[in-house]
Amino acid sequence: MDLSIVIVNYNTKDLLKQTIESVINNTKGIEYEIWVVDNSSKDGSVEMVQEEFKSVKLIASKENLGFPKGNNVAIKKAAGRYILLLNSDTKVIGDNLQNCVNYMDQHKEIGALGCKVELPDGTLDHACKRGFPTPEASLYYFLKLNKIMKNKKKYGAYTAEYLGEDEVGEVDALMGAFMMIPRTVIDKIGMLDEEFFMYGEDIDWCYRIKEAGYKIMYYPKEKIIHYKGSSSKKKKAKTTYEFHRAMILFYRKHYNDKYNIFIKILVYIGIALRMILSMIKNLFKKS
């Protein structure tokens, strides 16, 4: 088995159907399997997969396991040489998957591969290539110095602006919407950290992969479309909370011992202020 595609789903029935169809209709020349882990959806997602995609391996959870734990459940059962984390709100384009497998086969130093991720309007989903959120990089990004000091690598490190969106190159981190990882690397560094729930686990995985000596590669010769939620829609309080909780978890896990108490206090204050501002902003958005 060349590739095991793992899709964690939560109430995205129509998008999930589109995602699975895009894989089946476009993927040839490699042996692959599709795993869908449903996190207790209430929209008929489970029934849709059972009725329309007999070849898909379905795990229907009775509770919402979260993104990392949901992926881990399928990864443990998967048979592929490579594991692909694929969001349920994406669409695979062309020969993406077989070309990415072939590229990984030719570059054994790669620990994780991400493709170009476009939003429906054709613009780049900037989270598909990014730097680690160090206090310095986060501060420059928060102050928008990356916009003022253009072409300066250190100011644009947070979003990896030093690498063009159509340029193949090494980055710090990829997004879990599309991340291909060799099984041998997972065996070495371990599974996704289940202390995270729905954000941050992808950056944490990339951090551990780089620490193990592998490269994180952005490969925009292949792409997917990401139908992520519109910014005009209201976010649930839990979503906002989990996003900022992930920041704290990541900092404690990887940076807590690298910075003094003054920096730590500033980081936690910054995260708290950002969460408060996000919640206030969300109050004024339409449902």
C-alpha atoms as a PDB file:
ATOM      1  CA  MET A   1       0.000   0.000   0.000  1.00  0.00           C
ATOM      2  CA  ASP A   2       1.527   3.305  -1.106  1.00  0.00           C
ATOM      3  CA  LEU A   3      -0.748   5.804   0.595  1.00  0.00           C
ATOM      4  CA  SER A   4      -3.269   5.869   3.426  1.00  0.00           C
ATOM      5  CA  ILE A   5      -5.510   8.948   3.267  1.00  0.00           C
ATOM      6  CA  VAL A   6      -6.990   9.891   6.627  1.00  0.00           C
ATOM      7  CA  ILE A   7      -9.969  12.252   6.723  1.00  0.00           C
ATOM      8  CA  VAL A   8     -11.454  13.373  10.040  1.00  0.00           C
ATOM      9  CA  ASN A   9     -15.030  14.587   9.618  1.00  0.00           C
ATOM     10  CA  TYR A  10     -17.426  16.554  11.782  1.00  0.00           C
ATOM     11  CA  ASN A  11     -20.737  17.621  10.245  1.00  0.00           C
ATOM     12  CA  THR A  12     -19.415  18.358   6.751  1.00  0.00           C
ATOM     13  CA  LYS A  13     -21.379  15.750   4.787  1.00  0.00           C
ATOM     14  CA  ASP A  14     -21.538  17.520   1.411  1.00  0.00           C
ATOM     15  CA  LEU A  15     -17.932  18.708   1.551  1.00  0.00           C
ATOM     16  CA  LEU A  16     -16.779  15.269   2.678  1.00  0.00           C
ATOM     17  CA  LYS A  17     -18.505  13.689  -0.317  1.00  0.00           C
ATOM     18  CA  GLN A  18     -16.746  16.138  -2.620  1.00  0.00           C
ATOM     19  CA  THR A  19     -13.387  15.402  -0.991  1.00  0.00           C
ATOM     20  CA  ILE A  20     -13.715  11.632  -1.358  1.00  0.00           C
ATOM     21  CA  GLU A  21     -14.908  11.952  -4.964  1.00  0.00           C
ATOM     22  CA  SER A  22     -11.957  14.197  -5.826  1.00  0.00           C
ATOM     23  CA  VAL A  23      -9.548  11.550  -4.495  1.00  0.00           C
ATOM     24  CA  ILE A  24     -11.222   8.647  -6.287  1.00  0.00           C
ATOM     25  CA  ASN A  25     -11.683  10.485  -9.586  1.00  0.00           C
ATOM     26  CA  ASN A  26      -8.148  11.862  -9.785  1.00  0.00           C
ATOM     27  CA  THR A  27      -5.861   9.285  -8.194  1.00  0.00           C
ATOM     28  CA  LYS A  28      -4.306   6.655 -10.449  1.00  0.00           C
ATOM     29  CA  GLY A  29      -1.024   4.779 -10.574  1.00  0.00           C
ATOM     30  CA  ILE A  30      -0.643   4.204  -6.842  1.00  0.00           C
ATOM     31  CA  GLU A  31      -2.260   1.827  -4.390  1.00  0.00           C
ATOM     32  CA  TYR A  32      -4.171   3.785  -1.783  1.00  0.00           C
ATOM     33  CA  GLU A  33      -6.843   3.488   0.868  1.00  0.00           C
ATOM     34  CA  ILE A  34      -9.208   6.070   2.353  1.00  0.00           C
ATOM     35  CA  TRP A  35     -10.017   6.179   6.048  1.00  0.00           C
ATOM     36  CA  VAL A  36     -12.828   8.412   7.309  1.00  0.00           C
ATOM     37  CA  VAL A  37     -13.067   9.013  11.034  1.00  0.00           C
ATOM     38  CA  ASP A  38     -16.394  10.604  11.882  1.00  0.00           C
ATOM     39  CA  ASN A  39     -16.499  12.553  15.133  1.00  0.00           C
ATOM     40  CA  SER A  40     -20.150  11.888  16.005  1.00  0.00           C
ATOM     41  CA  SER A  41     -21.659  13.978  13.196  1.00  0.00           C
ATOM     42  CA  LYS A  42     -25.391  14.700  13.267  1.00  0.00           C
ATOM     43  CA  ASP A  43     -25.807  15.567   9.566  1.00  0.00           C
ATOM     44  CA  GLY A  44     -25.908  12.097   8.026  1.00  0.00           C
ATOM     45  CA  SER A  45     -22.216  11.934   7.159  1.00  0.00           C
ATOM     46  CA  VAL A  46     -21.849   8.340   8.356  1.00  0.00           C
ATOM     47  CA  GLU A  47     -24.843   7.123   6.378  1.00  0.00           C
ATOM     48  CA  MET A  48     -23.622   8.940   3.254  1.00  0.00           C
ATOM     49  CA  VAL A  49     -20.214   7.236   3.395  1.00  0.00           C
ATOM     50  CA  GLN A  50     -21.778   3.842   4.047  1.00  0.00           C
ATOM     51  CA  GLU A  51     -24.191   4.160   1.134  1.00  0.00           C
ATOM     52  CA  GLU A  52     -22.035   5.850  -1.499  1.00  0.00           C
ATOM     53  CA  PHE A  53     -18.435   4.777  -0.835  1.00  0.00           C
ATOM     54  CA  LYS A  54     -18.259   1.071  -0.087  1.00  0.00           C
ATOM     55  CA  SER A  55     -14.464   0.986  -0.446  1.00  0.00           C
ATOM     56  CA  VAL A  56     -13.877   3.684   2.179  1.00  0.00           C
ATOM     57  CA  LYS A  57     -12.880   2.424   5.615  1.00  0.00           C
ATOM     58  CA  LEU A  58     -15.143   4.149   8.113  1.00  0.00           C
ATOM     59  CA  ILE A  59     -14.659   4.641  11.840  1.00  0.00           C
ATOM     60  CA  ALA A  60     -17.783   6.136  13.380  1.00  0.00           C
ATOM     61  CA  SER A  61     -17.031   7.522  16.828  1.00  0.00           C
ATOM     62  CA  LYS A  62     -19.819   8.065  19.346  1.00  0.00           C
ATOM     63  CA  GLU A  63     -18.048  11.173  20.639  1.00  0.00           C
ATOM     64  CA  ASN A  64     -16.066  14.062  19.212  1.00  0.00           C
ATOM     65  CA  LEU A  65     -12.494  12.848  19.572  1.00  0.00           C
ATOM     66  CA  GLY A  66     -10.951  16.028  18.199  1.00  0.00           C
ATOM     67  CA  PHE A  67      -8.617  16.291  15.223  1.00  0.00           C
ATOM     68  CA  PRO A  68      -5.377  14.691  16.508  1.00  0.00           C
ATOM     69  CA  LYS A  69      -7.021  11.770  18.304  1.00  0.00           C
ATOM     70  CA  GLY A  70      -9.346  11.165  15.370  1.00  0.00           C
ATOM     71  CA  ASN A  71      -6.383  10.973  13.007  1.00  0.00           C
ATOM     72  CA  ASN A  72      -4.423   8.756  15.375  1.00  0.00           C
ATOM     73  CA  VAL A  73      -7.236   6.187  15.513  1.00  0.00           C
ATOM     74  CA  ALA A  74      -6.989   5.682  11.743  1.00  0.00           C
ATOM     75  CA  ILE A  75      -3.199   6.012  11.504  1.00  0.00           C
ATOM     76  CA  LYS A  76      -2.810   3.062  13.866  1.00  0.00           C
ATOM     77  CA  LYS A  77      -4.855   0.906  11.486  1.00  0.00           C
ATOM     78  CA  ALA A  78      -3.537   2.301   8.195  1.00  0.00           C
ATOM     79  CA  ALA A  79      -1.335   0.184   5.930  1.00  0.00           C
ATOM     80  CA  GLY A  80       0.290   2.802   3.676  1.00  0.00           C
ATOM     81  CA  ARG A  81       3.980   3.593   3.334  1.00  0.00           C
ATOM     82  CA  TYR A  82       2.856   7.210   3.532  1.00  0.00           C
ATOM     83  CA  ILE A  83       0.091   8.745   5.618  1.00  0.00           C
ATOM     84  CA  LEU A  84      -1.820  11.751   4.284  1.00  0.00           C
ATOM     85  CA  LEU A  85      -3.814  13.978   6.597  1.00  0.00           C
ATOM     86  CA  LEU A  86      -6.533  15.484   4.414  1.00  0.00           C
ATOM     87  CA  ASN A  87      -9.275  17.841   5.544  1.00  0.00           C
ATOM     88  CA  SER A  88     -12.888  16.967   4.844  1.00  0.00           C
ATOM     89  CA  ASP A  89     -13.407  20.399   3.246  1.00  0.00           C
ATOM     90  CA  THR A  90     -10.805  20.063   0.484  1.00  0.00           C
ATOM     91  CA  LYS A  91     -10.732  19.080  -3.165  1.00  0.00           C
ATOM     92  CA  VAL A  92      -7.775  17.208  -4.658  1.00  0.00           C
ATOM     93  CA  ILE A  93      -6.704  18.515  -8.054  1.00  0.00           C
ATOM     94  CA  GLY A  94      -5.286  16.397 -10.899  1.00  0.00           C
ATOM     95  CA  ASP A  95      -2.441  13.946 -10.300  1.00  0.00           C
ATOM     96  CA  ASN A  96      -1.618  15.491  -6.928  1.00  0.00           C
ATOM     97  CA  LEU A  97      -1.405  12.378  -4.773  1.00  0.00           C
ATOM     98  CA  GLN A  98       0.614  10.119  -7.041  1.00  0.00           C
ATOM     99  CA  ASN A  99       3.011  12.972  -7.873  1.00  0.00           C
ATOM    100  CA  CYS A 100       3.533  13.736  -4.190  1.00  0.00           C
ATOM    101  CA  VAL A 101       4.185  10.054  -3.442  1.00  0.00           C
ATOM    102  CA  ASN A 102       6.710   9.923  -6.288  1.00  0.00           C
ATOM    103  CA  TYR A 103       8.420  13.085  -5.032  1.00  0.00           C
ATOM    104  CA  MET A 104       8.668  11.656  -1.525  1.00  0.00           C
ATOM    105  CA  ASP A 105      10.106   8.414  -2.915  1.00  0.00           C
ATOM    106  CA  GLN A 106      12.842  10.449  -4.596  1.00  0.00           C
ATOM    107  CA  HIS A 107      13.666  12.526  -1.487  1.00  0.00           C
ATOM    108  CA  LYS A 108      14.033  10.326   1.555  1.00  0.00           C
ATOM    109  CA  GLU A 109      15.231  13.262   3.671  1.00  0.00           C
ATOM    110  CA  ILE A 110      11.703  14.712   3.708  1.00  0.00           C
ATOM    111  CA  GLY A 111       9.747  14.100   6.891  1.00  0.00           C
ATOM    112  CA  ALA A 112       6.576  15.911   5.830  1.00  0.00           C
ATOM    113  CA  LEU A 113       5.334  17.255   2.517  1.00  0.00           C
ATOM    114  CA  GLY A 114       2.671  19.873   1.894  1.00  0.00           C
ATOM    115  CA  CYS A 115       1.257  21.099  -1.388  1.00  0.00           C
ATOM    116  CA  LYS A 116      -0.085  24.488  -2.409  1.00  0.00           C
ATOM    117  CA  VAL A 117      -3.434  25.138  -0.751  1.00  0.00           C
ATOM    118  CA  GLU A 118      -5.745  27.588  -2.472  1.00  0.00           C
ATOM    119  CA  LEU A 119      -8.979  29.092  -1.220  1.00  0.00           C
ATOM    120  CA  PRO A 120     -12.014  28.950  -3.536  1.00  0.00           C
ATOM    121  CA  ASP A 121     -11.253  32.458  -4.842  1.00  0.00           C
ATOM    122  CA  GLY A 122      -7.806  31.322  -6.013  1.00  0.00           C
ATOM    123  CA  THR A 123      -5.786  33.062  -3.306  1.00  0.00           C
ATOM    124  CA  LEU A 124      -3.241  31.218  -1.184  1.00  0.00           C
ATOM    125  CA  ASP A 125      -4.233  29.781   2.169  1.00  0.00           C
ATOM    126  CA  HIS A 126      -1.140  31.139   3.905  1.00  0.00           C
ATOM    127  CA  ALA A 127      -1.223  28.499   6.632  1.00  0.00           C
ATOM    128  CA  CYS A 128       0.032  25.920   4.108  1.00  0.00           C
ATOM    129  CA  LYS A 129       3.587  27.254   4.564  1.00  0.00           C
ATOM    130  CA  ARG A 130       4.664  28.961   7.737  1.00  0.00           C
ATOM    131  CA  GLY A 131       7.321  29.407  10.364  1.00  0.00           C
ATOM    132  CA  PHE A 132       7.255  28.323  13.969  1.00  0.00           C
ATOM    133  CA  PRO A 133       5.459  30.807  16.267  1.00  0.00           C
ATOM    134  CA  THR A 134       8.448  31.924  18.294  1.00  0.00           C
ATOM    135  CA  PRO A 135       7.846  34.991  20.493  1.00  0.00           C
ATOM    136  CA  GLU A 136       9.901  37.105  18.075  1.00  0.00           C
ATOM    137  CA  ALA A 137       8.156  35.896  14.916  1.00  0.00           C
ATOM    138  CA  SER A 138       4.737  36.229  16.546  1.00  0.00           C
ATOM    139  CA  LEU A 139       5.466  39.786  17.702  1.00  0.00           C
ATOM    140  CA  TYR A 140       6.635  40.908  14.256  1.00  0.00           C
ATOM    141  CA  TYR A 141       3.509  39.370  12.730  1.00  0.00           C
ATOM    142  CA  PHE A 142       1.184  40.915  15.333  1.00  0.00           C
ATOM    143  CA  LEU A 143       2.729  44.358  14.723  1.00  0.00           C
ATOM    144  CA  LYS A 144       2.488  43.736  10.952  1.00  0.00           C
ATOM    145  CA  LEU A 145       6.196  44.442  10.517  1.00  0.00           C
ATOM    146  CA  ASN A 146       6.141  41.782   7.795  1.00  0.00           C
ATOM    147  CA  LYS A 147       4.099  44.251   5.726  1.00  0.00           C
ATOM    148  CA  ILE A 148       6.308  47.226   6.538  1.00  0.00           C
ATOM    149  CA  MET A 149       9.706  45.510   6.275  1.00  0.00           C
ATOM    150  CA  LYS A 150       9.029  43.483   3.145  1.00  0.00           C
ATOM    151  CA  ASN A 151      11.689  41.091   1.832  1.00  0.00           C
ATOM    152  CA  LYS A 152      13.260  40.876   5.292  1.00  0.00           C
ATOM    153  CA  LYS A 153      13.324  37.209   6.241  1.00  0.00           C
ATOM    154  CA  LYS A 154      13.166  37.637  10.005  1.00  0.00           C
ATOM    155  CA  TYR A 155      10.092  39.882   9.868  1.00  0.00           C
ATOM    156  CA  GLY A 156       8.218  37.538   7.564  1.00  0.00           C
ATOM    157  CA  ALA A 157       9.239  34.324   9.319  1.00  0.00           C
ATOM    158  CA  TYR A 158       5.787  33.687  10.826  1.00  0.00           C
ATOM    159  CA  THR A 159       4.189  33.172   7.399  1.00  0.00           C
ATOM    160  CA  ALA A 160       7.367  32.037   5.585  1.00  0.00           C
ATOM    161  CA  GLU A 161       7.148  35.027   3.247  1.00  0.00           C
ATOM    162  CA  TYR A 162      10.742  34.439   2.179  1.00  0.00           C
ATOM    163  CA  LEU A 163       9.459  31.574   0.031  1.00  0.00           C
ATOM    164  CA  GLY A 164       7.229  32.399  -2.923  1.00  0.00           C
ATOM    165  CA  GLU A 165       3.863  30.661  -3.093  1.00  0.00           C
ATOM    166  CA  ASP A 166       4.916  28.867  -6.301  1.00  0.00           C
ATOM    167  CA  GLU A 167       8.453  28.095  -5.140  1.00  0.00           C
ATOM    168  CA  VAL A 168       9.457  24.640  -3.919  1.00  0.00           C
ATOM    169  CA  GLY A 169      11.378  24.918  -0.687  1.00  0.00           C
ATOM    170  CA  GLU A 170      11.918  24.005   2.928  1.00  0.00           C
ATOM    171  CA  VAL A 171       9.729  25.597   5.609  1.00  0.00           C
ATOM    172  CA  ASP A 172       9.154  25.126   9.335  1.00  0.00           C
ATOM    173  CA  ALA A 173       5.570  23.959   9.293  1.00  0.00           C
ATOM    174  CA  LEU A 174       2.653  22.848   7.134  1.00  0.00           C
ATOM    175  CA  MET A 175      -1.082  22.660   7.765  1.00  0.00           C
ATOM    176  CA  GLY A 176      -3.017  19.563   8.699  1.00  0.00           C
ATOM    177  CA  ALA A 177      -5.420  20.134   5.795  1.00  0.00           C
ATOM    178  CA  PHE A 178      -2.820  18.384   3.615  1.00  0.00           C
ATOM    179  CA  MET A 179       0.257  16.804   5.145  1.00  0.00           C
ATOM    180  CA  MET A 180       1.970  13.687   3.782  1.00  0.00           C
ATOM    181  CA  ILE A 181       4.322  11.847   6.148  1.00  0.00           C
ATOM    182  CA  PRO A 182       6.290   8.602   5.773  1.00  0.00           C
ATOM    183  CA  ARG A 183       5.169   5.850   8.107  1.00  0.00           C
ATOM    184  CA  THR A 184       8.818   5.382   9.136  1.00  0.00           C
ATOM    185  CA  VAL A 185       8.902   8.975  10.407  1.00  0.00           C
ATOM    186  CA  ILE A 186       5.739   8.488  12.462  1.00  0.00           C
ATOM    187  CA  ASP A 187       7.231   5.328  13.937  1.00  0.00           C
ATOM    188  CA  LYS A 188      10.253   7.377  14.986  1.00  0.00           C
ATOM    189  CA  ILE A 189       8.687  10.588  16.358  1.00  0.00           C
ATOM    190  CA  GLY A 190       5.316   9.299  17.549  1.00  0.00           C
ATOM    191  CA  MET A 191       1.689  10.112  16.806  1.00  0.00           C
ATOM    192  CA  LEU A 192      -0.105  13.447  16.896  1.00  0.00           C
ATOM    193  CA  ASP A 193      -0.227  14.934  20.393  1.00  0.00           C
ATOM    194  CA  GLU A 194      -3.765  14.381  21.684  1.00  0.00           C
ATOM    195  CA  GLU A 195      -3.447  17.137  24.289  1.00  0.00           C
ATOM    196  CA  PHE A 196      -4.326  19.451  21.409  1.00  0.00           C
ATOM    197  CA  PHE A 197      -7.934  19.264  20.218  1.00  0.00           C
ATOM    198  CA  MET A 198      -8.388  21.014  16.886  1.00  0.00           C
ATOM    199  CA  TYR A 199      -5.496  23.459  16.412  1.00  0.00           C
ATOM    200  CA  GLY A 200      -1.735  23.367  16.880  1.00  0.00           C
ATOM    201  CA  GLU A 201      -1.196  19.626  16.520  1.00  0.00           C
ATOM    202  CA  ASP A 202       0.087  20.038  12.955  1.00  0.00           C
ATOM    203  CA  ILE A 203       2.715  22.626  13.951  1.00  0.00           C
ATOM    204  CA  ASP A 204       3.699  20.486  16.939  1.00  0.00           C
ATOM    205  CA  TRP A 205       4.163  17.467  14.638  1.00  0.00           C
ATOM    206  CA  CYS A 206       6.305  19.503  12.242  1.00  0.00           C
ATOM    207  CA  TYR A 207       8.426  20.766  15.143  1.00  0.00           C
ATOM    208  CA  ARG A 208       9.091  17.202  16.291  1.00  0.00           C
ATOM    209  CA  ILE A 209       9.838  16.080  12.730  1.00  0.00           C
ATOM    210  CA  LYS A 210      12.444  18.819  12.294  1.00  0.00           C
ATOM    211  CA  GLU A 211      13.950  18.025  15.685  1.00  0.00           C
ATOM    212  CA  ALA A 212      14.400  14.435  14.460  1.00  0.00           C
ATOM    213  CA  GLY A 213      16.496  15.737  11.558  1.00  0.00           C
ATOM    214  CA  TYR A 214      14.001  15.606   8.686  1.00  0.00           C
ATOM    215  CA  LYS A 215      13.005  18.343   6.246  1.00  0.00           C
ATOM    216  CA  ILE A 216       9.561  19.935   6.060  1.00  0.00           C
ATOM    217  CA  MET A 217       8.926  20.579   2.360  1.00  0.00           C
ATOM    218  CA  TYR A 218       6.457  22.911   0.649  1.00  0.00           C
ATOM    219  CA  TYR A 219       5.710  21.507  -2.813  1.00  0.00           C
ATOM    220  CA  PRO A 220       3.454  23.906  -4.777  1.00  0.00           C
ATOM    221  CA  LYS A 221       3.747  22.003  -8.048  1.00  0.00           C
ATOM    222  CA  GLU A 222       0.672  20.179  -6.727  1.00  0.00           C
ATOM    223  CA  LYS A 223      -2.354  21.784  -5.109  1.00  0.00           C
ATOM    224  CA  ILE A 224      -5.726  21.344  -3.436  1.00  0.00           C
ATOM    225  CA  ILE A 225      -8.643  23.709  -2.893  1.00  0.00           C
ATOM    226  CA  HIS A 226      -9.611  24.387   0.708  1.00  0.00           C
ATOM    227  CA  TYR A 227     -13.240  25.321   1.349  1.00  0.00           C
ATOM    228  CA  LYS A 228     -12.616  26.629   4.843  1.00  0.00           C
ATOM    229  CA  GLY A 229     -15.205  28.660   6.728  1.00  0.00           C
ATOM    230  CA  SER A 230     -15.746  32.207   5.564  1.00  0.00           C
ATOM    231  CA  SER A 231     -14.380  34.927   7.842  1.00  0.00           C
ATOM    232  CA  SER A 232     -17.838  36.530   7.787  1.00  0.00           C
ATOM    233  CA  LYS A 233     -19.333  33.627   9.702  1.00  0.00           C
ATOM    234  CA  LYS A 234     -19.479  33.585  13.462  1.00  0.00           C
ATOM    235  CA  LYS A 235     -17.094  31.258  15.231  1.00  0.00           C
ATOM    236  CA  LYS A 236     -18.214  29.206  18.174  1.00  0.00           C
ATOM    237  CA  ALA A 237     -16.715  30.184  21.509  1.00  0.00           C
ATOM    238  CA  LYS A 238     -15.118  26.726  21.781  1.00  0.00           C
ATOM    239  CA  THR A 239     -13.379  27.209  18.436  1.00  0.00           C
ATOM    240  CA  THR A 240     -11.881  30.514  19.568  1.00  0.00           C
ATOM    241  CA  TYR A 241     -10.903  29.024  22.914  1.00  0.00           C
ATOM    242  CA  GLU A 242      -9.227  25.959  21.386  1.00  0.00           C
ATOM    243  CA  PHE A 243      -7.300  28.113  18.910  1.00  0.00           C
ATOM    244  CA  HIS A 244      -5.719  30.134  21.694  1.00  0.00           C
ATOM    245  CA  ARG A 245      -5.332  27.180  24.056  1.00  0.00           C
ATOM    246  CA  ALA A 246      -3.242  25.532  21.334  1.00  0.00           C
ATOM    247  CA  MET A 247      -0.896  28.538  21.367  1.00  0.00           C
ATOM    248  CA  ILE A 248      -0.322  28.117  25.089  1.00  0.00           C
ATOM    249  CA  LEU A 249       0.183  24.355  24.789  1.00  0.00           C
ATOM    250  CA  PHE A 250       2.719  24.763  21.998  1.00  0.00           C
ATOM    251  CA  TYR A 251       4.642  27.472  23.862  1.00  0.00           C
ATOM    252  CA  ARG A 252       4.771  25.455  27.084  1.00  0.00           C
ATOM    253  CA  LYS A 253       5.879  22.341  25.266  1.00  0.00           C
ATOM    254  CA  HIS A 254       8.617  23.794  23.072  1.00  0.00           C
ATOM    255  CA  TYR A 255       9.595  27.278  24.270  1.00  0.00           C
ATOM    256  CA  ASN A 256       8.927  27.452  27.998  1.00  0.00           C
ATOM    257  CA  ASP A 257      12.513  26.614  28.957  1.00  0.00           C
ATOM    258  CA  LYS A 258      14.087  28.759  26.253  1.00  0.00           C
ATOM    259  CA  TYR A 259      12.887  32.184  27.418  1.00  0.00           C
ATOM    260  CA  ASN A 260      13.019  34.124  30.673  1.00  0.00           C
ATOM    261  CA  ILE A 261      10.055  34.886  32.924  1.00  0.00           C
ATOM    262  CA  PHE A 262       9.574  38.357  31.426  1.00  0.00           C
ATOM    263  CA  ILE A 263       9.102  36.936  27.926  1.00  0.00           C
ATOM    264  CA  LYS A 264       6.790  34.228  29.282  1.00  0.00           C
ATOM    265  CA  ILE A 265       4.533  36.809  30.926  1.00  0.00           C
ATOM    266  CA  LEU A 266       4.388  38.896  27.755  1.00  0.00           C
ATOM    267  CA  VAL A 267       3.534  35.820  25.681  1.00  0.00           C
ATOM    268  CA  TYR A 268       0.652  34.786  27.953  1.00  0.00           C
ATOM    269  CA  ILE A 269      -0.674  38.346  28.150  1.00  0.00           C
ATOM    270  CA  GLY A 270      -0.471  38.604  24.366  1.00  0.00           C
ATOM    271  CA  ILE A 271      -2.403  35.371  23.865  1.00  0.00           C
ATOM    272  CA  ALA A 272      -5.059  36.424  26.391  1.00  0.00           C
ATOM    273  CA  LEU A 273      -5.520  39.833  24.740  1.00  0.00           C
ATOM    274  CA  ARG A 274      -5.725  38.243  21.320  1.00  0.00           C
ATOM    275  CA  MET A 275      -8.437  35.848  22.504  1.00  0.00           C
ATOM    276  CA  ILE A 276     -10.457  38.668  24.078  1.00  0.00           C
ATOM    277  CA  LEU A 277     -10.217  40.753  20.900  1.00  0.00           C
ATOM    278  CA  SER A 278     -11.253  37.754  18.791  1.00  0.00           C
ATOM    279  CA  MET A 279     -14.313  37.162  20.953  1.00  0.00           C
ATOM    280  CA  ILE A 280     -15.325  40.833  20.830  1.00  0.00           C
ATOM    281  CA  LYS A 281     -14.888  40.919  17.067  1.00  0.00           C
ATOM    282  CA  ASN A 282     -16.937  37.748  16.740  1.00  0.00           C
ATOM    283  CA  LEU A 283     -19.874  39.345  18.567  1.00  0.00           C
ATOM    284  CA  PHE A 284     -20.327  41.778  15.690  1.00  0.00           C
ATOM    285  CA  LYS A 285     -20.227  39.163  12.937  1.00  0.00           C
ATOM    286  CA  LYS A 286     -23.379  37.834  11.340  1.00  0.00           C
ATOM    287  CA  SER A 287     -24.257  34.193  11.866  1.00  0.00           C
END
